[in-house]
Amino acid sequence: MLVSTLLEFALGYALFASTSTSHSFDSRFADTLPNYESFRDNVYARHPNENDSFHDAVYARPIDAKPELRVRGLYNLAGNDQSDETILGQGFLDMVALVTYVAANPNAAVMARYFSPNDAADVTAIFHTVEQMAAPGGFPNPPNGVRPTDLSQIAMSRASGGIPDLAESFDTSSTSTNPEIKIYDFGWSALWQRLRQSLQCSRDIGPNTNYKMHFLGSLMLHETLHFNNVAFLAWNTVLPQDQYPDDQPGNFPCTNKAYGPYEAISLNQRNSALAKINIENYVWYALETYWLNQCPGSASGGMFTAPKSNDIPSVCKQGLKGALSNLWCWAS
């Protein structure tokens, strides 16, 4: 579970005001994406959509003899309204783009910032596994009784409540019967407009590692990594419960968790064994690796400058004040 906890009195009014605002913009934003039916065709189509090069690159397969039996790795989005499903679906595609790039292009310098170099193969295996779980049919030849092995087995929904949580994963064991991810109102308010394509190198990325690198798909990645099967399938071993990736202890304000890039880097410096099983280390390793490729001119010397504290970069503080600004910009 990814949480952002600051003073509730600061959160209450602005959160509900922001949520109301996001609701009013949902239909307008959805109009900027491919229409709903085209999106569903992208994900569930019997044939690759020739107008969607990313979809083709990730999902293109020979035409099946019985194409109606094809399985896509998209989360189960049933029950969401049309506009929300479109946005969640695009967030899924953004997550796939993130893990696909990072799995194929490990960055040794960024790896050493977030993990022990000795763990590089295991770290990369995590991204390969998520990529496979998101592909048609899910992870190939999984052991019997293990679930989820295909992201379509995980129900994902926009959900009310959960203040001040961004999102939460449920039933995360290796034999889960009802695996689920909920994106709560606050996470939705912060990130529903932050799709990968909306971020601009000149405006959002570099020269420092900052929270504006974050997007809805990277939040989905965080929650997906809570499912024990990701590590079980990646590392081909059954682990004690406390050795699966999770949110490790840290000093992020008001949470006592190792959230955010500063905490993730600091944890690796203190205890690389814990860094290997801290979910945020994977998220920020992926974000830095991905954005270094996408925005090479945004980083000096081939690396973003690491944060020196948990204070939110001032560039992020737009339109809000004080503690609430920190909370909002950490999420967004």
Protein backbone atom coordinates (compact mmCIF):
# COMPACT_ATOMS: atom_id res chain seq x y z
CA MET A 1 0.00 0.00 0.00
CA LEU A 2 1.31 3.40 -0.95
CA VAL A 3 0.29 6.04 1.58
CA SER A 4 0.77 9.77 1.95
CA THR A 5 -0.13 10.87 5.44
CA LEU A 6 0.04 14.46 6.59
CA LEU A 7 -2.31 16.54 8.72
CA GLU A 8 -5.88 15.50 7.99
CA PHE A 9 -7.21 18.97 8.54
CA ALA A 10 -4.99 20.14 5.67
CA LEU A 11 -6.09 17.27 3.50
CA GLY A 12 -9.84 17.25 4.05
CA TYR A 13 -11.07 20.30 2.21
CA ALA A 14 -8.56 20.30 -0.64
CA LEU A 15 -8.83 16.58 -1.31
CA PHE A 16 -12.57 16.62 -1.70
CA ALA A 17 -12.42 19.83 -3.71
CA SER A 18 -9.81 18.29 -5.98
CA THR A 19 -11.78 15.06 -6.31
CA SER A 20 -14.85 17.01 -7.35
CA THR A 21 -12.77 18.87 -9.90
CA SER A 22 -11.36 15.66 -11.35
CA HIS A 23 -14.86 14.22 -11.73
CA SER A 24 -15.92 17.24 -13.72
CA PHE A 25 -13.00 16.85 -16.10
CA ASP A 26 -13.24 13.09 -16.60
CA SER A 27 -15.33 13.16 -19.74
CA ARG A 28 -13.32 16.00 -21.25
CA PHE A 29 -10.06 14.17 -20.59
CA ALA A 30 -11.40 10.92 -21.97
CA ASP A 31 -12.17 12.75 -25.21
CA THR A 32 -8.44 13.37 -25.65
CA LEU A 33 -7.72 9.63 -25.68
CA PRO A 34 -8.80 7.12 -28.32
CA ASN A 35 -12.52 6.54 -27.86
CA TYR A 36 -13.57 3.82 -25.50
CA GLU A 37 -14.39 1.21 -28.10
CA SER A 38 -11.05 1.77 -29.84
CA PHE A 39 -9.27 1.38 -26.52
CA ARG A 40 -11.02 -1.91 -25.84
CA ASP A 41 -10.16 -3.01 -29.36
CA ASN A 42 -6.51 -2.22 -28.62
CA VAL A 43 -6.48 -4.44 -25.57
CA TYR A 44 -8.85 -7.23 -26.54
CA ALA A 45 -8.64 -7.16 -30.35
CA ARG A 46 -8.44 -10.42 -32.28
CA HIS A 47 -5.81 -8.81 -34.50
CA PRO A 48 -3.18 -6.19 -33.63
CA ASN A 49 -4.37 -2.65 -34.16
CA GLU A 50 -2.25 -1.40 -37.02
CA ASN A 51 -2.72 2.20 -35.89
CA ASP A 52 -1.21 1.59 -32.45
CA SER A 53 2.52 0.95 -32.81
CA PHE A 54 3.10 0.48 -29.07
CA HIS A 55 0.30 -2.06 -28.87
CA ASP A 56 1.68 -3.88 -31.89
CA ALA A 57 5.21 -3.97 -30.47
CA VAL A 58 4.08 -5.40 -27.14
CA TYR A 59 1.17 -7.60 -28.16
CA ALA A 60 1.53 -8.52 -31.84
CA ARG A 61 1.18 -12.28 -32.26
CA PRO A 62 0.30 -14.65 -35.11
CA ILE A 63 -3.46 -14.80 -35.67
CA ASP A 64 -4.86 -17.59 -33.50
CA ALA A 65 -7.01 -20.33 -34.90
CA LYS A 66 -9.58 -19.39 -32.26
CA PRO A 67 -8.87 -15.73 -31.60
CA GLU A 68 -11.83 -15.39 -29.25
CA LEU A 69 -9.83 -17.47 -26.74
CA ARG A 70 -6.91 -15.04 -26.61
CA VAL A 71 -6.15 -13.68 -23.17
CA ARG A 72 -4.77 -10.20 -22.57
CA GLY A 73 -2.81 -9.27 -19.49
CA LEU A 74 -4.81 -6.11 -18.83
CA TYR A 75 -6.13 -5.84 -15.29
CA ASN A 76 -9.77 -6.80 -14.88
CA LEU A 77 -11.45 -3.41 -15.10
CA ALA A 78 -15.05 -4.63 -14.97
CA GLY A 79 -17.27 -2.44 -12.84
CA ASN A 80 -15.52 0.86 -13.59
CA ASP A 81 -17.42 3.45 -15.55
CA GLN A 82 -16.44 4.01 -19.17
CA SER A 83 -14.31 7.10 -18.63
CA ASP A 84 -12.43 5.62 -15.65
CA GLU A 85 -11.85 2.35 -17.50
CA THR A 86 -10.31 4.22 -20.40
CA ILE A 87 -7.90 6.07 -18.12
CA LEU A 88 -7.03 2.95 -16.09
CA GLY A 89 -6.44 1.09 -19.34
CA GLN A 90 -4.05 3.77 -20.57
CA GLY A 91 -2.31 3.64 -17.18
CA PHE A 92 -1.84 -0.10 -17.72
CA LEU A 93 -0.29 0.49 -21.15
CA ASP A 94 2.01 3.10 -19.57
CA MET A 95 3.10 0.62 -16.92
CA VAL A 96 3.82 -1.97 -19.62
CA ALA A 97 5.93 0.56 -21.52
CA LEU A 98 7.87 1.31 -18.33
CA VAL A 99 8.63 -2.30 -17.37
CA THR A 100 9.29 -3.36 -20.96
CA TYR A 101 11.96 -0.70 -21.39
CA VAL A 102 13.58 -1.29 -17.99
CA ALA A 103 13.60 -5.08 -18.38
CA ALA A 104 15.42 -4.81 -21.70
CA ASN A 105 17.74 -1.93 -20.76
CA PRO A 106 19.15 -2.30 -17.23
CA ASN A 107 21.17 0.75 -16.20
CA ALA A 108 24.14 -0.18 -14.03
CA ALA A 109 24.69 3.35 -12.67
CA VAL A 110 21.06 3.79 -11.63
CA MET A 111 21.00 0.21 -10.34
CA ALA A 112 23.89 0.99 -7.98
CA ARG A 113 21.94 3.95 -6.60
CA TYR A 114 18.97 1.81 -5.57
CA PHE A 115 20.35 -1.73 -5.17
CA SER A 116 23.51 -3.72 -4.59
CA PRO A 117 25.07 -4.49 -7.98
CA ASN A 118 25.11 -8.12 -6.82
CA ASP A 119 21.31 -8.08 -7.02
CA ALA A 120 21.15 -6.73 -10.58
CA ALA A 121 20.00 -10.00 -12.15
CA ASP A 122 17.23 -10.48 -9.57
CA VAL A 123 16.08 -6.87 -9.96
CA THR A 124 15.87 -7.18 -13.74
CA ALA A 125 14.01 -10.47 -13.35
CA ILE A 126 11.26 -8.64 -11.45
CA PHE A 127 10.63 -6.36 -14.42
CA HIS A 128 10.73 -9.26 -16.88
CA THR A 129 8.15 -11.06 -14.77
CA VAL A 130 5.73 -8.13 -14.65
CA GLU A 131 6.19 -7.76 -18.41
CA GLN A 132 5.29 -11.44 -18.88
CA MET A 133 2.31 -11.21 -16.52
CA ALA A 134 1.04 -8.32 -18.65
CA ALA A 135 1.44 -10.20 -21.94
CA PRO A 136 -1.20 -12.35 -23.68
CA GLY A 137 -1.73 -15.45 -21.57
CA GLY A 138 0.32 -14.16 -18.66
CA PHE A 139 3.45 -15.78 -17.22
CA PRO A 140 4.31 -18.89 -19.27
CA ASN A 141 3.84 -22.33 -17.71
CA PRO A 142 3.25 -21.22 -14.12
CA PRO A 143 3.12 -23.81 -11.31
CA ASN A 144 -0.30 -25.26 -10.58
CA GLY A 145 -2.34 -23.43 -7.97
CA VAL A 146 -0.34 -20.22 -8.16
CA ARG A 147 -2.34 -17.03 -8.70
CA PRO A 148 -2.16 -14.36 -10.03
CA THR A 149 0.17 -15.18 -12.92
CA ASP A 150 -1.71 -12.98 -15.40
CA LEU A 151 -2.55 -9.37 -14.58
CA SER A 152 -6.06 -9.95 -15.92
CA GLN A 153 -6.61 -12.04 -12.79
CA ILE A 154 -6.24 -8.87 -10.70
CA ALA A 155 -9.33 -6.69 -10.40
CA MET A 156 -8.51 -2.99 -10.51
CA SER A 157 -10.98 -0.28 -9.69
CA ARG A 158 -11.27 3.34 -8.86
CA ALA A 159 -12.62 3.36 -5.32
CA SER A 160 -13.89 5.84 -2.78
CA GLY A 161 -12.46 6.10 0.68
CA GLY A 162 -9.08 5.07 1.95
CA ILE A 163 -8.01 8.58 2.93
CA PRO A 164 -5.14 9.29 2.96
CA ASP A 165 -4.04 6.29 0.90
CA LEU A 166 -3.22 6.60 -2.78
CA ALA A 167 -3.90 2.97 -3.57
CA GLU A 168 -3.96 -0.44 -1.95
CA SER A 169 -3.49 -4.09 -2.93
CA PHE A 170 -5.54 -6.92 -1.45
CA ASP A 171 -5.13 -10.70 -1.18
CA THR A 172 -1.50 -10.63 -2.28
CA SER A 173 -0.48 -14.20 -1.37
CA SER A 174 0.86 -16.67 -3.93
CA THR A 175 -2.43 -18.58 -3.94
CA SER A 176 -4.70 -15.56 -4.00
CA THR A 177 -8.37 -16.14 -4.76
CA ASN A 178 -9.47 -12.50 -5.09
CA PRO A 179 -6.44 -10.36 -5.97
CA GLU A 180 -7.41 -6.72 -6.19
CA ILE A 181 -5.98 -3.21 -6.52
CA LYS A 182 -7.97 -0.15 -5.57
CA ILE A 183 -6.98 3.33 -6.68
CA TYR A 184 -8.48 5.56 -4.00
CA ASP A 185 -9.91 9.04 -4.41
CA PHE A 186 -6.70 10.73 -3.37
CA GLY A 187 -4.52 8.69 -5.71
CA TRP A 188 -6.98 9.32 -8.51
CA SER A 189 -7.13 13.05 -7.81
CA ALA A 190 -3.34 13.26 -7.85
CA LEU A 191 -2.56 11.05 -10.83
CA TRP A 192 -5.54 10.57 -13.17
CA GLN A 193 -4.28 13.36 -15.43
CA ARG A 194 -0.66 12.17 -15.22
CA LEU A 195 -0.36 9.68 -18.02
CA ARG A 196 3.05 8.96 -19.48
CA GLN A 197 2.37 10.87 -22.69
CA SER A 198 1.33 13.99 -20.77
CA LEU A 199 4.78 14.47 -19.20
CA GLN A 200 7.27 16.71 -20.99
CA CYS A 201 11.04 16.58 -20.70
CA SER A 202 11.43 20.37 -20.61
CA ARG A 203 8.72 20.87 -18.00
CA ASP A 204 8.68 17.77 -15.80
CA ILE A 205 11.94 15.86 -16.03
CA GLY A 206 15.39 16.66 -14.61
CA PRO A 207 17.97 17.69 -13.75
CA ASN A 208 17.03 16.30 -10.32
CA THR A 209 15.22 13.13 -9.39
CA ASN A 210 11.79 14.45 -8.44
CA TYR A 211 8.22 13.42 -7.94
CA LYS A 212 7.04 14.82 -11.23
CA MET A 213 8.56 11.74 -12.86
CA HIS A 214 5.70 9.77 -11.28
CA PHE A 215 2.61 8.84 -13.33
CA LEU A 216 -0.46 6.64 -12.97
CA GLY A 217 1.31 3.65 -14.53
CA SER A 218 4.14 3.81 -11.98
CA LEU A 219 1.58 3.79 -9.17
CA MET A 220 0.11 0.65 -10.77
CA LEU A 221 3.60 -0.85 -10.83
CA HIS A 222 4.02 -0.16 -7.11
CA GLU A 223 0.76 -1.91 -6.27
CA THR A 224 1.46 -4.84 -8.62
CA LEU A 225 4.77 -5.51 -6.88
CA HIS A 226 2.88 -6.16 -3.64
CA PHE A 227 1.70 -9.48 -5.08
CA ASN A 228 4.03 -12.19 -3.82
CA ASN A 229 3.89 -14.06 -7.10
CA VAL A 230 5.95 -11.42 -8.85
CA ALA A 231 9.01 -12.28 -6.75
CA PHE A 232 8.11 -15.97 -6.55
CA LEU A 233 8.00 -16.29 -10.33
CA ALA A 234 10.96 -13.97 -10.92
CA TRP A 235 13.27 -15.69 -8.45
CA ASN A 236 11.80 -19.19 -8.72
CA THR A 237 11.75 -19.72 -4.99
CA VAL A 238 9.31 -19.74 -2.09
CA LEU A 239 10.28 -17.08 0.43
CA PRO A 240 9.33 -16.38 4.03
CA GLN A 241 6.51 -13.85 4.05
CA ASP A 242 8.77 -11.04 5.27
CA GLN A 243 11.19 -11.61 2.38
CA TYR A 244 8.78 -10.72 -0.41
CA PRO A 245 8.90 -7.13 -1.70
CA ASP A 246 6.84 -4.78 0.43
CA ASP A 247 6.98 -1.29 1.95
CA GLN A 248 10.00 -1.38 4.25
CA PRO A 249 10.47 0.85 7.32
CA GLY A 250 11.90 4.29 6.69
CA ASN A 251 11.52 7.93 7.59
CA PHE A 252 9.18 9.37 4.99
CA PRO A 253 7.17 12.05 6.80
CA CYS A 254 4.19 10.71 8.76
CA THR A 255 4.43 7.18 7.36
CA ASN A 256 7.59 5.57 8.82
CA LYS A 257 8.06 3.90 5.44
CA ALA A 258 10.84 4.03 2.87
CA TYR A 259 8.75 5.90 0.28
CA GLY A 260 10.13 8.17 -2.41
CA PRO A 261 13.58 8.41 -4.00
CA TYR A 262 15.46 9.82 -1.01
CA GLU A 263 14.24 7.07 1.31
CA ALA A 264 14.89 4.39 -1.30
CA ILE A 265 18.46 5.57 -1.89
CA SER A 266 19.12 5.93 1.84
CA LEU A 267 17.79 2.43 2.50
CA ASN A 268 20.17 0.97 -0.06
CA GLN A 269 23.06 2.76 1.61
CA ARG A 270 22.03 1.42 5.04
CA ASN A 271 20.91 -2.06 4.13
CA SER A 272 20.97 -3.29 0.54
CA ALA A 273 19.22 -6.53 1.54
CA LEU A 274 16.17 -4.49 2.60
CA ALA A 275 16.47 -2.31 -0.50
CA LYS A 276 16.05 -5.45 -2.60
CA ILE A 277 12.64 -6.03 -1.01
CA ASN A 278 11.48 -2.41 -0.82
CA ILE A 279 8.95 -1.73 -3.56
CA GLU A 280 9.82 1.95 -3.94
CA ASN A 281 13.41 1.03 -4.84
CA TYR A 282 12.04 -0.76 -7.91
CA VAL A 283 9.68 2.09 -8.80
CA TRP A 284 12.34 4.79 -8.62
CA TYR A 285 14.99 2.68 -10.32
CA ALA A 286 12.49 2.18 -13.15
CA LEU A 287 11.51 5.84 -13.34
CA GLU A 288 15.10 7.11 -13.42
CA THR A 289 16.13 4.50 -15.99
CA TYR A 290 13.14 5.21 -18.20
CA TRP A 291 13.35 9.01 -18.10
CA LEU A 292 17.11 9.04 -18.69
CA ASN A 293 16.35 7.36 -21.99
CA GLN A 294 13.36 9.52 -22.84
CA CYS A 295 14.95 12.82 -21.80
CA PRO A 296 18.73 12.42 -22.21
CA GLY A 297 19.33 16.16 -22.24
CA SER A 298 17.66 16.60 -18.86
CA ALA A 299 20.41 14.99 -16.79
CA SER A 300 23.95 16.19 -16.33
CA GLY A 301 26.63 13.56 -16.83
CA GLY A 302 24.13 10.85 -17.65
CA MET A 303 22.50 10.78 -14.20
CA PHE A 304 19.80 12.75 -12.44
CA THR A 305 20.97 14.49 -9.28
CA ALA A 306 19.83 12.48 -6.27
CA PRO A 307 17.67 14.22 -3.65
CA LYS A 308 19.44 15.26 -0.45
CA SER A 309 16.42 15.04 1.84
CA ASN A 310 12.74 14.14 1.98
CA ASP A 311 11.79 17.73 1.25
CA ILE A 312 9.78 17.95 -1.94
CA PRO A 313 11.60 19.81 -4.75
CA SER A 314 10.37 23.39 -4.97
CA VAL A 315 9.70 22.99 -8.69
CA CYS A 316 6.84 20.73 -7.73
CA LYS A 317 5.05 23.24 -5.51
CA GLN A 318 2.53 24.83 -7.83
CA GLY A 319 -0.70 26.39 -6.64
CA LEU A 320 -0.67 24.95 -3.14
CA LYS A 321 0.94 26.02 0.10
CA GLY A 322 2.88 24.50 2.97
CA ALA A 323 2.31 20.96 4.14
CA LEU A 324 -0.53 20.35 1.71
CA SER A 325 1.74 21.34 -1.15
CA ASN A 326 4.27 18.74 -0.02
CA LEU A 327 1.57 16.09 0.17
CA TRP A 328 0.06 16.90 -3.21
CA CYS A 329 3.36 17.18 -5.04
CA TRP A 330 4.79 14.04 -3.51
CA ALA A 331 1.88 12.18 -5.06
CA SER A 332 1.83 14.06 -8.32
